Amino acid sequence: MKPNPNPLRAVLAGVLGLGLLGGALVAQAAQPALSIEGNPAGLKISWNAADGGNGEYILEGSTDLKTWTKVNQSVIKEGDLMTVLVPTEEAMAYYRLVNDGVNLQPAYVGPETCKMCHAGKYDEWIDSGHPYKINAVVDGQPPKYFSDQTVNVPNTPEGWTWQDVKYVIGGALWKGRFIDNDGYIVTGDAVQYNLATQGWVAYEASDPVGTKPYNCG
């Protein structure tokens, strides 16, 4: 049985932003959001200076989200649109804008961009379970996995439909659990799908439905 509506936990939005979905992060409202496009020559990083009020923005890059350095390439200005072209050999994994000492939300360049310079690492990563830590249920259809678009988790737990489920946790190699539309992991008897046996087992059956928020663990 589905739980009563509850607010979707903010932590879930944070996890998805870093997406394991592999896309750029969008800055908070009223702040410029970075647009990052990759090509064999490097990265094209753009933002609209009109978003977020006054002040000049400095573009910084990082490989680990800890140490940040100013990007030395010149800013190409076309009205309010600002663009920086970063050559491949100087490309980093993350970028952010800084305005008067305020650091805006960093943006991830995305796995397809990383692939251009690190094809071997990308191939190893894409064939692992790591890209599929959490998978959205779109239009009431189960997630698909790997390049052959396999449906590894064909059904939802008894009493649930794909319309009741917002995400599948895992499901690529070992097991699949479910997050409901309110941000809670589905708990109870026969609610975890094991790929090896193609069967259902219990998960935190002692926790009432609608009480276990997803927290990356």
N, C-alpha and C. Protein backbone atom coordinates (compact mmCIF):
# COMPACT_ATOMS: atom_id res chain seq x y z
N MET A 1 0.85 -1.19 0.00
CA MET A 1 0.00 0.00 0.00
C MET A 1 0.88 1.24 0.00
N LYS A 2 0.48 2.24 -0.76
CA LYS A 2 1.25 3.46 -0.85
C LYS A 2 1.07 4.31 0.40
N PRO A 3 2.11 5.06 0.79
CA PRO A 3 2.01 5.92 1.96
C PRO A 3 1.26 7.20 1.65
N ASN A 4 0.91 7.95 2.70
CA ASN A 4 0.34 9.26 2.50
C ASN A 4 1.40 10.20 1.94
N PRO A 5 1.01 11.22 1.16
CA PRO A 5 1.99 12.13 0.56
C PRO A 5 2.87 12.78 1.60
N ASN A 6 4.14 12.88 1.31
CA ASN A 6 5.10 13.58 2.15
C ASN A 6 6.04 14.33 1.23
N PRO A 7 6.69 15.40 1.71
CA PRO A 7 7.60 16.17 0.86
C PRO A 7 8.76 15.31 0.38
N LEU A 8 9.11 15.44 -0.87
CA LEU A 8 10.26 14.74 -1.42
C LEU A 8 11.51 15.27 -0.77
N ARG A 9 12.34 14.40 -0.27
CA ARG A 9 13.52 14.82 0.48
C ARG A 9 14.49 15.58 -0.41
N ALA A 10 15.02 16.70 0.13
CA ALA A 10 15.94 17.53 -0.64
C ALA A 10 17.19 16.78 -1.03
N VAL A 11 17.60 15.83 -0.18
CA VAL A 11 18.82 15.10 -0.48
C VAL A 11 18.70 14.34 -1.78
N LEU A 12 17.50 13.90 -2.14
CA LEU A 12 17.31 13.17 -3.38
C LEU A 12 17.61 14.06 -4.57
N ALA A 13 17.14 15.30 -4.51
CA ALA A 13 17.43 16.23 -5.60
C ALA A 13 18.92 16.48 -5.72
N GLY A 14 19.62 16.53 -4.58
CA GLY A 14 21.05 16.74 -4.62
C GLY A 14 21.78 15.60 -5.29
N VAL A 15 21.36 14.37 -4.97
CA VAL A 15 21.99 13.20 -5.59
C VAL A 15 21.77 13.19 -7.08
N LEU A 16 20.56 13.46 -7.49
CA LEU A 16 20.25 13.43 -8.92
C LEU A 16 20.98 14.54 -9.64
N GLY A 17 21.15 15.69 -9.00
CA GLY A 17 21.86 16.77 -9.65
C GLY A 17 23.27 16.37 -10.01
N LEU A 18 23.91 15.61 -9.15
CA LEU A 18 25.25 15.14 -9.45
C LEU A 18 25.20 13.96 -10.38
N GLY A 19 23.77 13.68 -10.65
CA GLY A 19 23.45 12.70 -11.58
C GLY A 19 24.15 11.66 -11.97
N LEU A 20 24.41 11.24 -11.11
CA LEU A 20 24.62 9.95 -11.70
C LEU A 20 23.84 9.90 -12.99
N LEU A 21 23.07 10.96 -13.27
CA LEU A 21 22.42 11.12 -14.56
C LEU A 21 23.36 11.73 -15.58
N GLY A 22 24.51 12.28 -15.08
CA GLY A 22 25.54 12.68 -16.03
C GLY A 22 25.32 14.01 -16.70
N GLY A 23 24.60 14.96 -16.12
CA GLY A 23 24.40 16.24 -16.78
C GLY A 23 24.95 17.36 -15.96
N ALA A 24 24.94 18.59 -16.54
CA ALA A 24 25.44 19.75 -15.83
C ALA A 24 24.47 20.14 -14.72
N LEU A 25 25.00 20.66 -13.63
CA LEU A 25 24.16 21.13 -12.54
C LEU A 25 23.61 22.50 -12.89
N VAL A 26 22.39 22.75 -12.49
CA VAL A 26 21.78 24.05 -12.73
C VAL A 26 21.91 24.89 -11.47
N ALA A 27 22.37 26.13 -11.62
CA ALA A 27 22.57 26.99 -10.46
C ALA A 27 21.23 27.37 -9.85
N GLN A 28 21.28 27.93 -8.65
CA GLN A 28 20.07 28.34 -7.98
C GLN A 28 19.38 29.44 -8.78
N ALA A 29 18.11 29.67 -8.46
CA ALA A 29 17.34 30.69 -9.17
C ALA A 29 18.04 32.04 -9.08
N ALA A 30 17.91 32.83 -10.14
CA ALA A 30 18.48 34.17 -10.22
C ALA A 30 20.00 34.15 -10.19
N GLN A 31 20.60 33.09 -10.65
CA GLN A 31 22.04 33.01 -10.81
C GLN A 31 22.33 32.43 -12.19
N PRO A 32 23.42 32.86 -12.82
CA PRO A 32 23.75 32.30 -14.14
C PRO A 32 24.02 30.80 -14.04
N ALA A 33 23.47 30.05 -14.96
CA ALA A 33 23.71 28.61 -15.04
C ALA A 33 24.69 28.35 -16.17
N LEU A 34 25.69 27.53 -15.89
CA LEU A 34 26.68 27.21 -16.90
C LEU A 34 26.12 26.21 -17.91
N SER A 35 26.41 26.47 -19.18
CA SER A 35 26.13 25.52 -20.25
C SER A 35 27.46 25.03 -20.78
N ILE A 36 27.67 23.71 -20.76
CA ILE A 36 28.96 23.14 -21.16
C ILE A 36 28.74 22.18 -22.32
N GLU A 37 29.43 22.44 -23.42
CA GLU A 37 29.37 21.57 -24.59
C GLU A 37 30.78 21.07 -24.90
N GLY A 38 30.89 19.78 -25.17
CA GLY A 38 32.19 19.19 -25.49
C GLY A 38 32.31 18.89 -26.97
N ASN A 39 33.54 18.98 -27.48
CA ASN A 39 33.85 18.58 -28.85
C ASN A 39 35.31 18.16 -28.87
N PRO A 40 35.79 17.58 -29.96
CA PRO A 40 37.19 17.11 -29.99
C PRO A 40 38.22 18.19 -29.70
N ALA A 41 37.86 19.45 -29.92
CA ALA A 41 38.81 20.54 -29.69
C ALA A 41 38.84 20.99 -28.23
N GLY A 42 37.81 20.63 -27.47
CA GLY A 42 37.77 21.05 -26.08
C GLY A 42 36.37 21.32 -25.59
N LEU A 43 36.22 22.33 -24.72
CA LEU A 43 34.94 22.66 -24.11
C LEU A 43 34.51 24.07 -24.48
N LYS A 44 33.22 24.21 -24.72
CA LYS A 44 32.61 25.52 -24.90
C LYS A 44 31.73 25.77 -23.69
N ILE A 45 32.12 26.73 -22.85
CA ILE A 45 31.42 27.01 -21.61
C ILE A 45 30.77 28.38 -21.72
N SER A 46 29.46 28.43 -21.51
CA SER A 46 28.72 29.68 -21.70
C SER A 46 27.81 29.95 -20.51
N TRP A 47 27.48 31.24 -20.32
CA TRP A 47 26.49 31.64 -19.34
C TRP A 47 25.95 33.01 -19.73
N ASN A 48 24.78 33.32 -19.21
CA ASN A 48 24.14 34.60 -19.48
C ASN A 48 24.38 35.52 -18.29
N ALA A 49 25.15 36.58 -18.51
CA ALA A 49 25.51 37.47 -17.42
C ALA A 49 24.31 38.25 -16.89
N ALA A 50 23.23 38.32 -17.67
CA ALA A 50 22.05 39.05 -17.21
C ALA A 50 21.31 38.29 -16.12
N ASP A 51 21.54 37.00 -16.01
CA ASP A 51 20.91 36.20 -14.97
C ASP A 51 21.68 36.38 -13.67
N GLY A 52 21.05 36.94 -12.69
CA GLY A 52 21.72 37.03 -11.40
C GLY A 52 22.22 38.40 -11.04
N GLY A 53 21.84 39.42 -11.81
CA GLY A 53 22.14 40.77 -11.37
C GLY A 53 23.49 41.30 -11.81
N ASN A 54 24.07 42.15 -11.00
CA ASN A 54 25.25 42.91 -11.38
C ASN A 54 26.54 42.16 -11.05
N GLY A 55 27.62 42.65 -11.61
CA GLY A 55 28.93 42.12 -11.26
C GLY A 55 29.53 41.26 -12.35
N GLU A 56 30.86 41.23 -12.38
CA GLU A 56 31.58 40.40 -13.32
C GLU A 56 31.81 39.03 -12.71
N TYR A 57 31.69 38.01 -13.52
CA TYR A 57 31.88 36.65 -13.06
C TYR A 57 33.23 36.12 -13.51
N ILE A 58 33.87 35.39 -12.62
CA ILE A 58 35.14 34.73 -12.92
C ILE A 58 34.87 33.24 -13.04
N LEU A 59 35.38 32.62 -14.10
CA LEU A 59 35.19 31.19 -14.30
C LEU A 59 36.36 30.43 -13.68
N GLU A 60 36.04 29.45 -12.83
CA GLU A 60 37.06 28.62 -12.20
C GLU A 60 36.81 27.15 -12.54
N GLY A 61 37.91 26.37 -12.55
CA GLY A 61 37.81 24.95 -12.84
C GLY A 61 38.44 24.11 -11.74
N SER A 62 38.01 22.84 -11.66
CA SER A 62 38.53 21.93 -10.64
C SER A 62 38.46 20.50 -11.17
N THR A 63 39.35 19.67 -10.65
CA THR A 63 39.30 18.24 -10.98
C THR A 63 38.73 17.41 -9.84
N ASP A 64 38.58 18.03 -8.66
CA ASP A 64 38.17 17.25 -7.49
C ASP A 64 37.16 17.96 -6.58
N LEU A 65 36.66 19.13 -7.01
CA LEU A 65 35.71 19.93 -6.22
C LEU A 65 36.32 20.49 -4.94
N LYS A 66 37.63 20.38 -4.79
CA LYS A 66 38.30 20.91 -3.60
C LYS A 66 39.20 22.09 -3.95
N THR A 67 40.07 21.89 -4.95
CA THR A 67 40.99 22.94 -5.37
C THR A 67 40.48 23.57 -6.65
N TRP A 68 40.32 24.89 -6.63
CA TRP A 68 39.79 25.61 -7.77
C TRP A 68 40.81 26.60 -8.31
N THR A 69 40.92 26.71 -9.62
CA THR A 69 41.84 27.65 -10.26
C THR A 69 41.10 28.46 -11.31
N LYS A 70 41.52 29.68 -11.49
CA LYS A 70 40.89 30.54 -12.49
C LYS A 70 41.21 30.04 -13.89
N VAL A 71 40.19 30.03 -14.74
CA VAL A 71 40.39 29.65 -16.13
C VAL A 71 40.99 30.83 -16.87
N ASN A 72 42.12 30.59 -17.53
CA ASN A 72 42.88 31.69 -18.11
C ASN A 72 42.41 32.13 -19.50
N GLN A 73 41.57 31.33 -20.15
CA GLN A 73 41.13 31.70 -21.48
C GLN A 73 40.26 32.97 -21.45
N SER A 74 40.31 33.73 -22.51
CA SER A 74 39.56 34.98 -22.60
C SER A 74 38.06 34.69 -22.72
N VAL A 75 37.28 35.63 -22.19
CA VAL A 75 35.82 35.54 -22.29
C VAL A 75 35.37 36.23 -23.56
N ILE A 76 34.62 35.50 -24.37
CA ILE A 76 34.05 36.06 -25.60
C ILE A 76 32.67 36.60 -25.26
N LYS A 77 32.45 37.90 -25.47
CA LYS A 77 31.19 38.53 -25.08
C LYS A 77 30.34 38.84 -26.31
N GLU A 78 29.11 38.35 -26.28
CA GLU A 78 28.13 38.67 -27.31
C GLU A 78 26.86 39.12 -26.60
N GLY A 79 26.75 40.43 -26.37
CA GLY A 79 25.67 40.94 -25.54
C GLY A 79 25.83 40.44 -24.13
N ASP A 80 24.79 39.79 -23.59
CA ASP A 80 24.87 39.22 -22.24
C ASP A 80 25.42 37.80 -22.23
N LEU A 81 25.59 37.21 -23.41
CA LEU A 81 26.10 35.84 -23.48
C LEU A 81 27.62 35.83 -23.39
N MET A 82 28.12 35.11 -22.40
CA MET A 82 29.57 34.99 -22.18
C MET A 82 30.01 33.57 -22.54
N THR A 83 31.11 33.45 -23.28
CA THR A 83 31.59 32.15 -23.71
C THR A 83 33.09 32.06 -23.51
N VAL A 84 33.52 30.91 -23.00
CA VAL A 84 34.95 30.62 -22.85
C VAL A 84 35.23 29.30 -23.56
N LEU A 85 36.27 29.28 -24.38
CA LEU A 85 36.68 28.06 -25.09
C LEU A 85 37.92 27.50 -24.41
N VAL A 86 37.78 26.29 -23.87
CA VAL A 86 38.88 25.64 -23.15
C VAL A 86 39.42 24.50 -24.01
N PRO A 87 40.70 24.52 -24.39
CA PRO A 87 41.24 23.42 -25.20
C PRO A 87 41.24 22.10 -24.44
N THR A 88 41.22 21.01 -25.18
CA THR A 88 41.11 19.68 -24.59
C THR A 88 42.18 19.43 -23.53
N GLU A 89 43.40 19.82 -23.81
CA GLU A 89 44.50 19.51 -22.89
C GLU A 89 44.40 20.27 -21.57
N GLU A 90 43.54 21.27 -21.49
CA GLU A 90 43.38 22.04 -20.26
C GLU A 90 42.01 21.84 -19.62
N ALA A 91 41.20 20.95 -20.18
CA ALA A 91 39.84 20.76 -19.69
C ALA A 91 39.85 20.11 -18.31
N MET A 92 38.90 20.51 -17.48
CA MET A 92 38.72 19.95 -16.14
C MET A 92 37.33 19.33 -16.03
N ALA A 93 37.09 18.65 -14.92
CA ALA A 93 35.83 17.94 -14.74
C ALA A 93 34.70 18.85 -14.26
N TYR A 94 35.03 19.90 -13.51
CA TYR A 94 34.01 20.76 -12.92
C TYR A 94 34.35 22.22 -13.16
N TYR A 95 33.30 23.03 -13.29
CA TYR A 95 33.47 24.47 -13.46
C TYR A 95 32.43 25.21 -12.62
N ARG A 96 32.80 26.43 -12.19
CA ARG A 96 31.87 27.24 -11.43
C ARG A 96 32.15 28.71 -11.73
N LEU A 97 31.19 29.57 -11.40
CA LEU A 97 31.34 31.00 -11.52
C LEU A 97 31.52 31.61 -10.15
N VAL A 98 32.37 32.62 -10.08
CA VAL A 98 32.60 33.34 -8.82
C VAL A 98 32.30 34.81 -9.06
N ASN A 99 31.50 35.39 -8.18
CA ASN A 99 31.13 36.80 -8.30
C ASN A 99 31.28 37.45 -6.94
N ASP A 100 32.25 38.37 -6.83
CA ASP A 100 32.51 39.08 -5.58
C ASP A 100 32.72 38.12 -4.42
N GLY A 101 33.44 37.04 -4.69
CA GLY A 101 33.76 36.08 -3.64
C GLY A 101 32.68 35.06 -3.38
N VAL A 102 31.54 35.17 -4.05
CA VAL A 102 30.45 34.21 -3.88
C VAL A 102 30.58 33.12 -4.93
N ASN A 103 30.69 31.87 -4.47
CA ASN A 103 30.86 30.74 -5.38
C ASN A 103 29.50 30.18 -5.77
N LEU A 104 29.19 30.19 -7.03
CA LEU A 104 27.94 29.63 -7.50
C LEU A 104 28.05 28.12 -7.65
N GLN A 105 26.91 27.47 -7.79
CA GLN A 105 26.85 26.01 -7.87
C GLN A 105 27.74 25.49 -8.99
N PRO A 106 28.66 24.57 -8.71
CA PRO A 106 29.53 24.04 -9.78
C PRO A 106 28.75 23.19 -10.76
N ALA A 107 29.26 23.12 -11.98
CA ALA A 107 28.65 22.31 -13.04
C ALA A 107 29.61 21.22 -13.46
N TYR A 108 29.08 20.02 -13.66
CA TYR A 108 29.86 18.87 -14.10
C TYR A 108 29.82 18.80 -15.62
N VAL A 109 30.95 18.56 -16.25
CA VAL A 109 31.00 18.57 -17.71
C VAL A 109 30.25 17.40 -18.33
N GLY A 110 30.06 16.32 -17.58
CA GLY A 110 29.30 15.18 -18.08
C GLY A 110 30.17 14.07 -18.63
N PRO A 111 29.71 12.82 -18.52
CA PRO A 111 30.52 11.67 -18.92
C PRO A 111 30.85 11.64 -20.41
N GLU A 112 29.94 12.13 -21.26
CA GLU A 112 30.23 12.10 -22.69
C GLU A 112 31.39 13.02 -23.03
N THR A 113 31.52 14.12 -22.29
CA THR A 113 32.66 15.02 -22.49
C THR A 113 33.94 14.36 -22.01
N CYS A 114 33.89 13.71 -20.87
CA CYS A 114 35.07 13.02 -20.35
C CYS A 114 35.55 11.94 -21.32
N LYS A 115 34.60 11.32 -21.99
CA LYS A 115 34.91 10.22 -22.91
C LYS A 115 35.86 10.63 -24.01
N MET A 116 35.78 11.90 -24.42
CA MET A 116 36.60 12.35 -25.55
C MET A 116 38.09 12.20 -25.28
N CYS A 117 38.49 12.37 -24.03
CA CYS A 117 39.91 12.25 -23.69
C CYS A 117 40.24 10.97 -22.94
N HIS A 118 39.24 10.32 -22.38
CA HIS A 118 39.47 9.16 -21.52
C HIS A 118 38.56 8.02 -21.96
N ALA A 119 38.68 7.62 -23.21
CA ALA A 119 37.77 6.61 -23.77
C ALA A 119 37.86 5.29 -23.01
N GLY A 120 39.06 4.87 -22.66
CA GLY A 120 39.24 3.60 -21.96
C GLY A 120 38.57 3.61 -20.60
N LYS A 121 38.78 4.68 -19.84
CA LYS A 121 38.15 4.80 -18.53
C LYS A 121 36.64 4.87 -18.65
N TYR A 122 36.19 5.58 -19.69
CA TYR A 122 34.75 5.69 -19.91
C TYR A 122 34.14 4.32 -20.18
N ASP A 123 34.78 3.53 -21.05
CA ASP A 123 34.26 2.21 -21.39
C ASP A 123 34.19 1.31 -20.16
N GLU A 124 35.21 1.41 -19.30
CA GLU A 124 35.22 0.62 -18.07
C GLU A 124 34.09 1.05 -17.14
N TRP A 125 33.89 2.36 -17.06
CA TRP A 125 32.86 2.91 -16.17
C TRP A 125 31.46 2.58 -16.67
N ILE A 126 31.21 2.74 -17.97
CA ILE A 126 29.87 2.57 -18.50
C ILE A 126 29.42 1.12 -18.42
N ASP A 127 30.38 0.17 -18.38
CA ASP A 127 30.02 -1.24 -18.29
C ASP A 127 29.92 -1.73 -16.85
N SER A 128 30.18 -0.83 -15.90
CA SER A 128 30.05 -1.19 -14.48
C SER A 128 28.66 -0.80 -14.01
N GLY A 129 28.38 -1.04 -12.77
CA GLY A 129 27.09 -0.64 -12.24
C GLY A 129 27.03 0.80 -11.77
N HIS A 130 28.17 1.50 -11.79
CA HIS A 130 28.23 2.84 -11.22
C HIS A 130 27.32 3.86 -11.89
N PRO A 131 27.14 3.83 -13.22
CA PRO A 131 26.24 4.83 -13.82
C PRO A 131 24.78 4.62 -13.44
N TYR A 132 24.48 3.50 -12.79
CA TYR A 132 23.09 3.15 -12.55
C TYR A 132 22.77 3.06 -11.06
N LYS A 133 23.39 3.92 -10.28
CA LYS A 133 23.10 3.93 -8.85
C LYS A 133 21.63 4.26 -8.59
N ILE A 134 21.10 5.22 -9.34
CA ILE A 134 19.70 5.59 -9.19
C ILE A 134 19.15 5.91 -10.58
N ASN A 135 17.98 5.38 -10.90
CA ASN A 135 17.48 5.43 -12.26
C ASN A 135 16.02 5.88 -12.27
N ALA A 136 15.74 6.88 -13.07
CA ALA A 136 14.40 7.45 -13.10
C ALA A 136 13.42 6.53 -13.83
N VAL A 137 12.21 6.53 -13.33
CA VAL A 137 11.10 5.86 -14.01
C VAL A 137 10.40 6.93 -14.84
N VAL A 138 10.41 6.78 -16.16
CA VAL A 138 9.89 7.80 -17.06
C VAL A 138 8.63 7.27 -17.75
N ASP A 139 7.57 8.07 -17.67
CA ASP A 139 6.30 7.71 -18.33
C ASP A 139 5.80 6.32 -17.93
N GLY A 140 6.04 5.98 -16.67
CA GLY A 140 5.54 4.71 -16.17
C GLY A 140 6.22 3.48 -16.74
N GLN A 141 7.44 3.67 -17.26
CA GLN A 141 8.18 2.56 -17.85
C GLN A 141 9.41 2.23 -17.00
N PRO A 142 9.77 0.95 -16.88
CA PRO A 142 10.95 0.58 -16.08
C PRO A 142 12.23 1.09 -16.72
N PRO A 143 13.26 1.38 -15.92
CA PRO A 143 14.54 1.84 -16.46
C PRO A 143 15.19 0.77 -17.35
N LYS A 144 16.03 1.25 -18.28
CA LYS A 144 16.79 0.34 -19.14
C LYS A 144 18.27 0.53 -18.85
N TYR A 145 19.03 -0.56 -19.04
CA TYR A 145 20.42 -0.57 -18.60
C TYR A 145 21.37 -0.93 -19.74
N PHE A 146 22.56 -0.32 -19.68
CA PHE A 146 23.65 -0.61 -20.60
C PHE A 146 23.28 -0.29 -22.05
N SER A 147 24.23 -0.50 -22.94
CA SER A 147 24.06 -0.10 -24.33
C SER A 147 22.95 -0.87 -25.04
N ASP A 148 22.65 -2.08 -24.57
CA ASP A 148 21.59 -2.86 -25.22
C ASP A 148 20.21 -2.55 -24.66
N GLN A 149 20.15 -1.58 -23.71
CA GLN A 149 18.87 -1.10 -23.17
C GLN A 149 18.03 -2.25 -22.58
N THR A 150 18.67 -3.06 -21.77
CA THR A 150 17.99 -4.19 -21.14
C THR A 150 17.12 -3.72 -19.98
N VAL A 151 15.94 -4.30 -19.87
CA VAL A 151 15.08 -4.07 -18.70
C VAL A 151 15.40 -5.15 -17.67
N ASN A 152 16.21 -4.81 -16.68
CA ASN A 152 16.65 -5.78 -15.69
C ASN A 152 15.63 -6.00 -14.58
N VAL A 153 14.87 -4.97 -14.29
CA VAL A 153 13.86 -5.06 -13.22
C VAL A 153 12.50 -4.94 -13.90
N PRO A 154 11.87 -6.06 -14.25
CA PRO A 154 10.68 -6.01 -15.10
C PRO A 154 9.41 -5.55 -14.41
N ASN A 155 9.35 -5.71 -13.08
CA ASN A 155 8.11 -5.42 -12.37
C ASN A 155 8.38 -4.66 -11.08
N THR A 156 7.34 -4.09 -10.53
CA THR A 156 7.39 -3.45 -9.23
C THR A 156 6.91 -4.44 -8.18
N PRO A 157 7.13 -4.16 -6.89
CA PRO A 157 6.60 -5.06 -5.85
C PRO A 157 5.08 -5.17 -5.94
N GLU A 158 4.57 -6.25 -5.43
CA GLU A 158 3.12 -6.47 -5.42
C GLU A 158 2.43 -5.33 -4.68
N GLY A 159 1.37 -4.80 -5.29
CA GLY A 159 0.65 -3.69 -4.69
C GLY A 159 1.12 -2.33 -5.18
N TRP A 160 2.20 -2.32 -5.96
CA TRP A 160 2.75 -1.09 -6.52
C TRP A 160 2.73 -1.17 -8.05
N THR A 161 2.66 -0.02 -8.69
CA THR A 161 2.78 0.05 -10.15
C THR A 161 3.93 0.99 -10.49
N TRP A 162 4.33 1.00 -11.75
CA TRP A 162 5.39 1.92 -12.16
C TRP A 162 4.96 3.37 -12.02
N GLN A 163 3.66 3.63 -11.99
CA GLN A 163 3.19 5.00 -11.76
C GLN A 163 3.39 5.42 -10.32
N ASP A 164 3.52 4.45 -9.40
CA ASP A 164 3.72 4.75 -7.99
C ASP A 164 5.19 4.94 -7.63
N VAL A 165 6.08 4.60 -8.56
CA VAL A 165 7.52 4.58 -8.29
C VAL A 165 8.20 5.67 -9.11
N LYS A 166 9.09 6.39 -8.45
CA LYS A 166 9.80 7.48 -9.14
C LYS A 166 11.19 7.07 -9.58
N TYR A 167 11.87 6.23 -8.79
CA TYR A 167 13.23 5.80 -9.11
C TYR A 167 13.44 4.34 -8.72
N VAL A 168 14.38 3.70 -9.42
CA VAL A 168 14.89 2.39 -9.03
C VAL A 168 16.32 2.58 -8.56
N ILE A 169 16.61 2.08 -7.37
CA ILE A 169 17.98 2.12 -6.84
C ILE A 169 18.70 0.88 -7.36
N GLY A 170 19.79 1.09 -8.09
CA GLY A 170 20.53 -0.04 -8.64
C GLY A 170 19.75 -0.71 -9.75
N GLY A 171 19.83 -2.05 -9.77
CA GLY A 171 19.13 -2.80 -10.80
C GLY A 171 19.98 -3.17 -11.99
N ALA A 172 21.24 -2.78 -11.97
CA ALA A 172 22.10 -3.07 -13.12
C ALA A 172 22.71 -4.46 -13.06
N LEU A 173 23.24 -4.83 -11.89
CA LEU A 173 23.99 -6.07 -11.78
C LEU A 173 23.52 -7.01 -10.67
N TRP A 174 22.93 -6.46 -9.62
CA TRP A 174 22.71 -7.28 -8.43
C TRP A 174 21.26 -7.23 -7.95
N LYS A 175 20.79 -6.05 -7.56
CA LYS A 175 19.47 -5.96 -6.96
C LYS A 175 18.85 -4.62 -7.30
N GLY A 176 17.55 -4.55 -7.19
CA GLY A 176 16.84 -3.31 -7.42
C GLY A 176 15.89 -3.01 -6.29
N ARG A 177 15.97 -1.79 -5.76
CA ARG A 177 15.03 -1.31 -4.77
C ARG A 177 14.28 -0.12 -5.37
N PHE A 178 13.28 0.36 -4.68
CA PHE A 178 12.38 1.33 -5.28
C PHE A 178 12.19 2.54 -4.38
N ILE A 179 12.06 3.71 -5.01
CA ILE A 179 11.75 4.95 -4.30
C ILE A 179 10.39 5.42 -4.78
N ASP A 180 9.51 5.70 -3.82
CA ASP A 180 8.16 6.11 -4.22
C ASP A 180 8.13 7.57 -4.64
N ASN A 181 6.98 8.04 -5.01
CA ASN A 181 6.84 9.40 -5.53
C ASN A 181 7.07 10.48 -4.48
N ASP A 182 7.13 10.09 -3.22
CA ASP A 182 7.36 11.05 -2.15
C ASP A 182 8.79 11.00 -1.61
N GLY A 183 9.64 10.20 -2.24
CA GLY A 183 11.05 10.19 -1.86
C GLY A 183 11.43 9.15 -0.83
N TYR A 184 10.57 8.19 -0.56
CA TYR A 184 10.86 7.16 0.42
C TYR A 184 11.17 5.83 -0.26
N ILE A 185 12.14 5.09 0.31
CA ILE A 185 12.43 3.75 -0.19
C ILE A 185 11.28 2.83 0.20
N VAL A 186 10.85 2.03 -0.74
CA VAL A 186 9.77 1.08 -0.47
C VAL A 186 10.28 -0.03 0.45
N THR A 187 9.64 -0.21 1.55
CA THR A 187 10.04 -1.21 2.54
C THR A 187 8.95 -2.27 2.68
N GLY A 188 9.36 -3.42 3.27
CA GLY A 188 8.38 -4.47 3.51
C GLY A 188 8.86 -5.83 3.04
N ASP A 189 7.95 -6.76 2.98
CA ASP A 189 8.25 -8.11 2.50
C ASP A 189 8.19 -8.12 0.97
N ALA A 190 9.12 -8.82 0.35
CA ALA A 190 9.13 -9.00 -1.11
C ALA A 190 9.09 -7.67 -1.85
N VAL A 191 9.99 -6.76 -1.47
CA VAL A 191 10.03 -5.45 -2.15
C VAL A 191 11.38 -5.19 -2.82
N GLN A 192 12.35 -6.06 -2.64
CA GLN A 192 13.66 -5.94 -3.31
C GLN A 192 13.77 -7.04 -4.36
N TYR A 193 14.11 -6.65 -5.59
CA TYR A 193 14.22 -7.62 -6.67
C TYR A 193 15.69 -8.01 -6.84
N ASN A 194 15.97 -9.32 -6.75
CA ASN A 194 17.32 -9.83 -6.92
C ASN A 194 17.48 -10.39 -8.34
N LEU A 195 18.45 -9.85 -9.07
CA LEU A 195 18.61 -10.22 -10.47
C LEU A 195 19.04 -11.68 -10.62
N ALA A 196 19.92 -12.15 -9.74
CA ALA A 196 20.47 -13.50 -9.89
C ALA A 196 19.38 -14.57 -9.81
N THR A 197 18.44 -14.38 -8.91
CA THR A 197 17.38 -15.37 -8.70
C THR A 197 16.08 -14.99 -9.40
N GLN A 198 16.03 -13.72 -9.89
CA GLN A 198 14.80 -13.18 -10.47
C GLN A 198 13.63 -13.33 -9.50
N GLY A 199 13.96 -13.10 -8.25
CA GLY A 199 12.94 -13.23 -7.21
C GLY A 199 12.94 -12.04 -6.27
N TRP A 200 11.96 -12.04 -5.37
CA TRP A 200 11.76 -10.92 -4.45
C TRP A 200 12.12 -11.33 -3.03
N VAL A 201 12.73 -10.40 -2.29
CA VAL A 201 13.07 -10.62 -0.89
C VAL A 201 12.66 -9.38 -0.10
N ALA A 202 12.70 -9.51 1.21
CA ALA A 202 12.32 -8.40 2.08
C ALA A 202 13.42 -7.34 2.13
N TYR A 203 13.02 -6.12 2.40
CA TYR A 203 13.96 -5.03 2.67
C TYR A 203 13.39 -4.18 3.80
N GLU A 204 14.11 -4.14 4.93
CA GLU A 204 13.72 -3.33 6.08
C GLU A 204 12.22 -3.49 6.38
N ALA A 205 11.80 -4.74 6.49
CA ALA A 205 10.38 -5.02 6.66
C ALA A 205 9.80 -4.45 7.96
N SER A 206 10.67 -4.20 8.93
CA SER A 206 10.18 -3.65 10.20
C SER A 206 9.89 -2.15 10.12
N ASP A 207 10.37 -1.49 9.06
CA ASP A 207 10.12 -0.05 8.89
C ASP A 207 8.81 0.15 8.14
N PRO A 208 7.88 0.90 8.70
CA PRO A 208 6.61 1.14 8.00
C PRO A 208 6.84 1.83 6.65
N VAL A 209 6.00 1.56 5.70
CA VAL A 209 6.07 2.21 4.40
C VAL A 209 5.97 3.72 4.58
N GLY A 210 6.82 4.44 3.88
CA GLY A 210 6.77 5.90 3.94
C GLY A 210 7.58 6.51 5.08
N THR A 211 8.52 5.73 5.66
CA THR A 211 9.32 6.25 6.78
C THR A 211 10.81 6.20 6.54
N LYS A 212 11.26 5.64 5.41
CA LYS A 212 12.70 5.48 5.17
C LYS A 212 13.11 6.33 3.96
N PRO A 213 13.56 7.57 4.20
CA PRO A 213 13.97 8.43 3.08
C PRO A 213 15.27 7.94 2.44
N TYR A 214 15.43 8.21 1.18
CA TYR A 214 16.67 7.86 0.50
C TYR A 214 17.76 8.87 0.89
N ASN A 215 18.93 8.36 1.27
CA ASN A 215 20.02 9.24 1.70
C ASN A 215 21.35 8.82 1.13
N CYS A 216 21.36 8.21 -0.03
CA CYS A 216 22.58 7.79 -0.74
C CYS A 216 23.13 6.49 -0.20
N GLY A 217 22.68 6.00 0.93
CA GLY A 217 23.25 4.82 1.52
C GLY A 217 22.67 3.53 0.99
